[in-house]
């Protein structure tokens, strides 16, 4: 009886949560840029790089091709041991406003801090070395900031490399996170963002610098969002397909788990009740089917409850995914979501327990 009450309670809480996200997504209009003059606007792009000789050429090529060129590019070399330093130096020939900073401390978070402190523009945009922004990425951000001044702009990100089932499942799971963050922002309760494409004012960042939890390996993006949110700052999602940045999916299951462990390990440092509620409900709905499945070994009747919970969550997730299907150009959503539903309980247990027991100490 106790498990039934728990299952019903968290199912209803999950339904409410996803309903809020879907409502938040649909209440945000697609951003249609106005033909305003933005030539006087200036942006600083900050990228932390460590052993990125394979990925950097694609990113640099995309930046050279940007429709908006009034930007400075700050590339921070985080003690690379490959050919990254020479690639960074050669970038100065194609991008005159390129600045290379050799990090003094170790780790991506400290590298980003050094890059941001060296930025001369008030509007700062961060991305990663393995990202590929579209031609109008920067222009979309600048025009959005011009039309809707914000302290922080959450920009859309999706995974590339859909060559196999593993990458397809990663992509759908990642988009569900991005969609949740976008919907939450649209509903007035921002809780998630991604540093792979994030814009913020330097003044807002400076006010939040002491809230970024440097003791944590990652999470500077979410900690920045939560700090600005706590001060009552303006946080918006840029709902524009021309701003969707693509980033690489994990090439192996091991790398995927390490990445998700890193994301999960910083959860104890969160104090925002909306984020805590979201994380707890999502984790509970992932863990619940696993508990019911194992409990059914002792009490066979729990098989029925397990089936009901799995189907219920699958249908609710479909509503969210179909809401963003056109925006992210998703295909065969029902099929990949069905597979995810089957493996998600085991994935949640694996990532959750490993993040608690084996806390990661190094970025790479």
Protein backbone atom coordinates (compact mmCIF):
# COMPACT_ATOMS: atom_id res chain seq x y z
CA UNK A 1 0.00 0.00 0.00
CA UNK A 2 2.85 2.35 0.85
CA UNK A 3 4.43 1.92 -2.59
CA UNK A 4 1.10 2.60 -4.25
CA UNK A 5 0.75 5.90 -2.37
CA UNK A 6 4.33 6.85 -3.28
CA UNK A 7 3.77 5.95 -6.95
CA UNK A 8 0.55 7.97 -7.20
CA UNK A 9 2.05 10.97 -5.37
CA UNK A 10 5.18 11.26 -7.50
CA UNK A 11 3.28 10.54 -10.70
CA UNK A 12 0.99 13.48 -9.98
CA UNK A 13 3.94 15.70 -9.04
CA UNK A 14 5.68 14.71 -12.28
CA UNK A 15 2.54 15.44 -14.28
CA UNK A 16 2.33 18.91 -12.74
CA UNK A 17 6.02 19.57 -13.40
CA UNK A 18 5.94 18.57 -17.08
CA UNK A 19 2.69 20.47 -17.57
CA UNK A 20 4.43 23.61 -16.28
CA UNK A 21 7.34 23.02 -18.68
CA UNK A 22 5.04 22.52 -21.67
CA UNK A 23 3.03 25.60 -20.72
CA UNK A 24 6.23 27.61 -20.37
CA UNK A 25 7.45 26.47 -23.79
CA UNK A 26 4.24 27.37 -25.62
CA UNK A 27 3.83 30.75 -23.92
CA UNK A 28 7.19 31.87 -25.33
CA UNK A 29 6.85 33.18 -28.88
CA UNK A 30 9.50 32.34 -31.45
CA UNK A 31 11.99 35.17 -31.56
CA UNK A 32 11.67 37.15 -34.78
CA UNK A 33 14.55 39.63 -34.95
CA UNK A 34 13.82 43.21 -35.89
CA UNK A 35 15.88 45.04 -38.48
CA UNK A 36 17.48 47.21 -35.82
CA UNK A 37 20.97 48.62 -36.05
CA UNK A 38 23.30 46.47 -33.98
CA UNK A 39 26.63 47.52 -35.48
CA UNK A 40 27.55 49.37 -32.29
CA UNK A 41 26.95 46.27 -30.20
CA UNK A 42 29.98 44.26 -29.16
CA UNK A 43 30.36 40.77 -27.74
CA UNK A 44 33.11 38.80 -26.04
CA UNK A 45 33.13 35.05 -26.79
CA UNK A 46 34.95 32.96 -24.18
CA UNK A 47 36.07 29.39 -24.86
CA UNK A 48 38.08 27.21 -22.48
CA UNK A 49 40.24 24.68 -24.35
CA UNK A 50 42.10 21.62 -23.14
CA UNK A 51 43.49 19.12 -25.66
CA UNK A 52 41.00 20.19 -28.34
CA UNK A 53 43.14 19.93 -31.48
CA UNK A 54 40.48 17.79 -33.16
CA UNK A 55 37.51 20.04 -32.40
CA UNK A 56 38.93 23.57 -32.53
CA UNK A 57 39.23 23.94 -36.34
CA UNK A 58 35.48 23.40 -36.80
CA UNK A 59 34.59 25.92 -34.10
CA UNK A 60 37.01 28.53 -35.45
CA UNK A 61 35.68 28.05 -38.98
CA UNK A 62 32.12 28.58 -37.70
CA UNK A 63 33.15 31.77 -35.90
CA UNK A 64 34.87 33.16 -39.00
CA UNK A 65 31.61 32.61 -40.90
CA UNK A 66 29.35 34.36 -38.37
CA UNK A 67 26.97 36.95 -39.82
CA UNK A 68 27.81 39.23 -36.88
CA UNK A 69 31.53 39.96 -36.68
CA UNK A 70 31.87 42.68 -34.06
CA UNK A 71 33.21 40.36 -31.40
CA UNK A 72 36.40 39.55 -29.58
CA UNK A 73 37.29 35.91 -29.13
CA UNK A 74 39.04 34.89 -25.93
CA UNK A 75 40.55 31.42 -26.14
CA UNK A 76 41.85 30.10 -22.83
CA UNK A 77 44.41 27.31 -23.04
CA UNK A 78 43.90 25.09 -20.00
CA UNK A 79 47.34 23.41 -19.96
CA UNK A 80 46.82 21.48 -23.20
CA UNK A 81 49.27 18.70 -23.98
CA UNK A 82 48.51 18.31 -27.68
CA UNK A 83 48.62 20.70 -30.65
CA UNK A 84 45.97 23.00 -29.18
CA UNK A 85 48.36 25.92 -28.34
CA UNK A 86 49.59 26.24 -31.92
CA UNK A 87 46.02 26.14 -33.25
CA UNK A 88 45.06 28.90 -30.83
CA UNK A 89 47.96 31.05 -31.96
CA UNK A 90 47.15 30.52 -35.65
CA UNK A 91 43.55 31.58 -34.97
CA UNK A 92 44.79 35.16 -34.61
CA UNK A 93 45.41 35.32 -38.38
CA UNK A 94 41.77 34.60 -39.29
CA UNK A 95 40.23 36.41 -36.32
CA UNK A 96 41.99 39.74 -35.70
CA UNK A 97 40.18 40.26 -32.39
CA UNK A 98 41.33 36.91 -31.02
CA UNK A 99 43.06 36.85 -27.65
CA UNK A 100 44.84 33.76 -26.33
CA UNK A 101 45.12 33.40 -22.57
CA UNK A 102 47.24 30.70 -20.95
CA UNK A 103 45.44 29.63 -17.80
CA UNK A 104 47.37 29.93 -14.56
CA UNK A 105 45.15 27.56 -12.57
CA UNK A 106 43.89 24.14 -13.59
CA UNK A 107 40.37 23.16 -14.63
CA UNK A 108 37.67 24.43 -16.94
CA UNK A 109 35.91 26.57 -14.33
CA UNK A 110 39.06 28.53 -13.51
CA UNK A 111 39.90 28.83 -17.22
CA UNK A 112 36.50 30.38 -17.88
CA UNK A 113 36.96 32.79 -14.98
CA UNK A 114 40.27 33.99 -16.43
CA UNK A 115 38.69 34.38 -19.85
CA UNK A 116 35.70 36.33 -18.56
CA UNK A 117 37.91 38.64 -16.50
CA UNK A 118 39.85 39.43 -19.69
CA UNK A 119 36.66 40.22 -21.65
CA UNK A 120 36.22 43.85 -22.66
CA UNK A 121 32.57 43.71 -23.79
CA UNK A 122 29.70 43.72 -21.33
CA UNK A 123 27.80 41.01 -23.21
CA UNK A 124 29.67 37.71 -22.86
CA UNK A 125 28.88 34.50 -24.71
CA UNK A 126 30.37 31.15 -23.74
CA UNK A 127 30.63 28.03 -25.83
CA UNK A 128 32.77 24.89 -25.91
CA UNK A 129 35.55 23.86 -28.26
CA UNK A 130 33.52 20.88 -29.49
CA UNK A 131 30.52 23.02 -30.45
CA UNK A 132 29.43 24.14 -33.91
CA UNK A 133 27.28 27.30 -33.96
CA UNK A 134 25.16 28.20 -37.01
CA UNK A 135 25.88 31.27 -39.12
CA UNK A 136 23.40 33.55 -37.34
CA UNK A 137 24.09 32.30 -33.83
CA UNK A 138 25.84 35.40 -32.56
CA UNK A 139 23.59 37.79 -34.47
CA UNK A 140 20.50 36.14 -32.96
CA UNK A 141 21.89 36.57 -29.45
CA UNK A 142 22.84 40.21 -30.03
CA UNK A 143 19.47 41.08 -31.58
CA UNK A 144 17.63 39.28 -28.78
CA UNK A 145 19.59 41.21 -26.15
CA UNK A 146 18.88 44.42 -28.05
CA UNK A 147 15.13 43.69 -28.11
CA UNK A 148 14.86 42.09 -24.67
CA UNK A 149 17.67 43.24 -22.36
CA UNK A 150 18.56 40.37 -20.06
CA UNK A 151 21.08 39.54 -17.37
CA UNK A 152 21.33 36.00 -18.68
CA UNK A 153 20.13 34.40 -21.92
CA UNK A 154 19.67 30.64 -22.10
CA UNK A 155 20.40 29.53 -25.66
CA UNK A 156 19.29 26.29 -27.32
CA UNK A 157 21.74 23.39 -27.67
CA UNK A 158 21.41 19.97 -29.22
CA UNK A 159 23.69 17.00 -29.84
CA UNK A 160 25.13 16.17 -33.23
CA UNK A 161 26.39 12.79 -34.48
CA UNK A 162 23.23 10.70 -34.90
CA UNK A 163 24.99 7.77 -36.52
CA UNK A 164 23.79 5.01 -34.22
CA UNK A 165 21.14 4.14 -31.65
CA UNK A 166 23.31 5.18 -28.72
CA UNK A 167 23.81 8.71 -30.08
CA UNK A 168 20.11 8.98 -30.99
CA UNK A 169 19.12 8.10 -27.43
CA UNK A 170 21.66 10.58 -26.04
CA UNK A 171 20.26 13.27 -28.30
CA UNK A 172 16.68 12.73 -27.20
CA UNK A 173 17.59 12.60 -23.51
CA UNK A 174 19.67 15.77 -23.89
CA UNK A 175 16.88 17.61 -25.70
CA UNK A 176 14.46 16.64 -22.95
CA UNK A 177 16.78 18.46 -20.51
CA UNK A 178 17.11 21.50 -22.79
CA UNK A 179 13.33 21.57 -23.33
CA UNK A 180 12.74 21.35 -19.59
CA UNK A 181 15.13 24.24 -18.96
CA UNK A 182 13.51 26.30 -21.72
CA UNK A 183 9.99 25.55 -20.49
CA UNK A 184 10.95 26.36 -16.92
CA UNK A 185 12.37 29.72 -18.01
CA UNK A 186 9.23 30.41 -20.03
CA UNK A 187 7.13 29.65 -16.96
CA UNK A 188 9.13 32.13 -14.90
CA UNK A 189 11.06 29.53 -12.89
CA UNK A 190 14.45 29.11 -14.63
CA UNK A 191 16.38 26.14 -13.25
CA UNK A 192 18.64 24.84 -16.04
CA UNK A 193 21.03 26.17 -18.67
CA UNK A 194 24.07 24.99 -20.59
CA UNK A 195 27.44 26.71 -20.87
CA UNK A 196 27.80 25.35 -24.41
CA UNK A 197 25.71 28.35 -25.48
CA UNK A 198 25.06 30.90 -22.80
CA UNK A 199 25.01 34.70 -22.83
CA UNK A 200 25.19 37.04 -19.87
CA UNK A 201 26.33 40.51 -18.97
CA UNK A 202 29.74 40.85 -17.37
CA UNK A 203 28.25 43.09 -14.70
CA UNK A 204 25.80 40.33 -13.70
CA UNK A 205 28.60 37.77 -13.68
CA UNK A 206 30.80 39.94 -11.46
CA UNK A 207 27.98 40.25 -8.95
CA UNK A 208 27.63 36.44 -8.96
CA UNK A 209 31.31 35.50 -8.98
CA UNK A 210 31.33 34.48 -5.31
CA UNK A 211 28.30 32.21 -5.83
CA UNK A 212 29.84 29.93 -8.49
CA UNK A 213 30.97 27.22 -6.03
CA UNK A 214 34.57 26.84 -7.13
CA UNK A 215 34.83 23.74 -4.94
CA UNK A 216 32.62 21.93 -7.46
CA UNK A 217 34.17 20.50 -10.61
CA UNK A 218 31.49 21.95 -12.89
CA UNK A 219 28.16 23.73 -12.75
CA UNK A 220 29.31 27.32 -13.13
CA UNK A 221 26.53 27.84 -15.70
CA UNK A 222 23.69 26.70 -13.42
CA UNK A 223 25.21 28.36 -10.35
CA UNK A 224 25.39 31.61 -12.31
CA UNK A 225 21.74 31.26 -13.32
CA UNK A 226 20.68 30.56 -9.73
CA UNK A 227 22.66 33.52 -8.38
CA UNK A 228 21.15 35.93 -10.90
CA UNK A 229 17.71 34.45 -10.23
CA UNK A 230 18.13 34.92 -6.47
CA UNK A 231 18.91 38.62 -7.01
CA UNK A 232 15.80 39.04 -9.16
CA UNK A 233 17.76 39.40 -12.39
CA UNK A 234 16.20 39.00 -15.83
CA UNK A 235 16.64 35.50 -17.30
CA UNK A 236 15.19 34.54 -20.67
CA UNK A 237 15.35 31.67 -23.16
CA UNK A 238 16.22 32.50 -26.76
CA UNK A 239 13.62 30.57 -28.73
CA UNK A 240 15.15 30.77 -32.18
CA UNK A 241 16.21 27.94 -34.49
CA UNK A 242 18.97 30.15 -35.89
CA UNK A 243 20.62 30.09 -32.47
CA UNK A 244 20.74 26.31 -31.96
CA UNK A 245 24.31 25.23 -31.28
CA UNK A 246 25.33 21.64 -31.90
CA UNK A 247 27.75 19.85 -29.61
CA UNK A 248 29.30 16.40 -29.77
CA UNK A 249 27.58 13.46 -28.13
CA UNK A 250 29.62 11.14 -25.93
CA UNK A 251 31.54 8.65 -28.03
CA UNK A 252 31.30 5.83 -25.51
CA UNK A 253 28.98 4.71 -22.75
CA UNK A 254 31.76 5.24 -20.22
CA UNK A 255 32.25 8.87 -21.25
CA UNK A 256 28.50 9.38 -21.15
CA UNK A 257 28.25 8.10 -17.57
CA UNK A 258 31.24 10.20 -16.47
CA UNK A 259 29.58 13.30 -17.92
CA UNK A 260 26.26 12.60 -16.22
CA UNK A 261 28.04 11.83 -12.93
CA UNK A 262 29.71 15.22 -13.15
CA UNK A 263 26.35 16.89 -13.66
CA UNK A 264 24.73 14.99 -10.80
CA UNK A 265 27.59 15.37 -8.31
CA UNK A 266 26.98 19.11 -7.81
CA UNK A 267 23.33 18.61 -6.81
CA UNK A 268 24.00 18.84 -3.03
CA UNK A 269 25.21 22.44 -3.54
CA UNK A 270 21.88 23.61 -4.95
CA UNK A 271 19.69 25.71 -2.66
CA UNK A 272 17.01 26.91 -5.09
CA UNK A 273 13.75 25.20 -4.12
CA UNK A 274 12.41 25.08 -7.67
CA UNK A 275 15.53 23.28 -8.90
CA UNK A 276 15.53 20.96 -5.89
CA UNK A 277 11.86 20.14 -6.50
CA UNK A 278 12.54 19.49 -10.18
CA UNK A 279 15.56 17.30 -9.49
CA UNK A 280 13.82 15.30 -6.76
CA UNK A 281 10.67 14.65 -8.75
CA UNK A 282 12.56 13.67 -11.92
CA UNK A 283 14.92 11.42 -9.97
CA UNK A 284 12.03 9.83 -8.05
CA UNK A 285 10.13 9.09 -11.28
CA UNK A 286 13.26 7.48 -12.69
CA UNK A 287 13.93 5.48 -9.54
CA UNK A 288 10.33 4.43 -8.87
CA UNK A 289 10.04 1.89 -11.73
CA UNK A 290 13.31 0.27 -10.59
CA UNK A 291 11.96 -0.08 -7.05
CA UNK A 292 8.66 -1.49 -8.29
CA UNK A 293 10.45 -3.90 -10.60
CA UNK A 294 12.66 -5.27 -7.84
CA UNK A 295 9.74 -5.34 -5.40
CA UNK A 296 7.72 -7.45 -7.84
CA UNK A 297 10.14 -10.31 -7.20
CA UNK A 298 8.67 -10.53 -3.70
CA UNK A 299 5.17 -9.27 -4.46
CA UNK A 300 4.11 -10.16 -8.04
CA UNK A 301 1.21 -7.68 -7.98
CA UNK A 302 3.73 -4.84 -8.26
CA UNK A 303 4.26 -5.85 -11.89
CA UNK A 304 0.98 -4.14 -12.72
CA UNK A 305 1.94 -0.95 -10.89
CA UNK A 306 5.35 -1.02 -12.57
CA UNK A 307 3.70 -1.22 -15.99
CA UNK A 308 1.27 1.59 -15.22
CA UNK A 309 4.04 3.91 -13.99
CA UNK A 310 6.26 3.19 -17.02
CA UNK A 311 3.42 3.85 -19.48
CA UNK A 312 2.29 6.97 -17.60
CA UNK A 313 5.78 8.49 -17.60
CA UNK A 314 6.30 7.57 -21.25
CA UNK A 315 3.10 9.36 -22.30
CA UNK A 316 3.88 12.44 -20.22
CA UNK A 317 7.40 12.62 -21.66
CA UNK A 318 5.96 12.35 -25.17
CA UNK A 319 3.88 15.47 -24.57
CA UNK A 320 7.02 17.45 -23.74
CA UNK A 321 9.05 16.00 -26.61
CA UNK A 322 6.33 16.50 -29.21
CA UNK A 323 6.02 20.11 -28.02
CA UNK A 324 9.62 20.77 -29.12
CA UNK A 325 9.73 18.30 -32.02
CA UNK A 326 9.45 20.88 -34.78
CA UNK A 327 11.87 23.32 -33.16
CA UNK A 328 14.65 20.73 -32.79
CA UNK A 329 13.69 18.74 -35.91
CA UNK A 330 13.21 15.49 -34.02
CA UNK A 331 12.41 12.26 -35.82
CA UNK A 332 10.81 9.01 -34.61
CA UNK A 333 10.25 10.52 -31.18
CA UNK A 334 7.84 7.83 -30.01
CA UNK A 335 10.29 5.03 -30.87
CA UNK A 336 13.40 6.44 -29.19
CA UNK A 337 11.36 7.66 -26.21
CA UNK A 338 10.01 4.13 -25.79
CA UNK A 339 13.52 2.68 -25.64
CA UNK A 340 14.58 5.38 -23.20
CA UNK A 341 11.62 4.55 -20.97
CA UNK A 342 12.80 0.95 -20.75
CA UNK A 343 16.39 1.73 -19.79
CA UNK A 344 15.94 4.99 -17.88
CA UNK A 345 15.28 3.43 -14.43
CA UNK A 346 18.58 1.54 -14.57
CA UNK A 347 20.39 4.60 -15.90
CA UNK A 348 19.08 6.75 -13.04
CA UNK A 349 20.24 4.24 -10.43
CA UNK A 350 23.66 3.87 -12.03
CA UNK A 351 24.33 7.60 -12.37
CA UNK A 352 22.77 8.57 -9.04
CA UNK A 353 24.64 6.04 -6.94
CA UNK A 354 27.97 6.46 -8.74
CA UNK A 355 27.76 10.25 -8.36
CA UNK A 356 27.30 9.86 -4.62
CA UNK A 357 29.83 7.07 -4.03
CA UNK A 358 32.52 7.97 -6.57
CA UNK A 359 32.78 11.76 -6.65
CA UNK A 360 34.79 12.89 -9.67
CA UNK A 361 37.90 14.94 -8.92
CA UNK A 362 39.14 15.80 -12.39
CA UNK A 363 37.45 17.34 -15.42
CA UNK A 364 39.18 15.06 -17.91
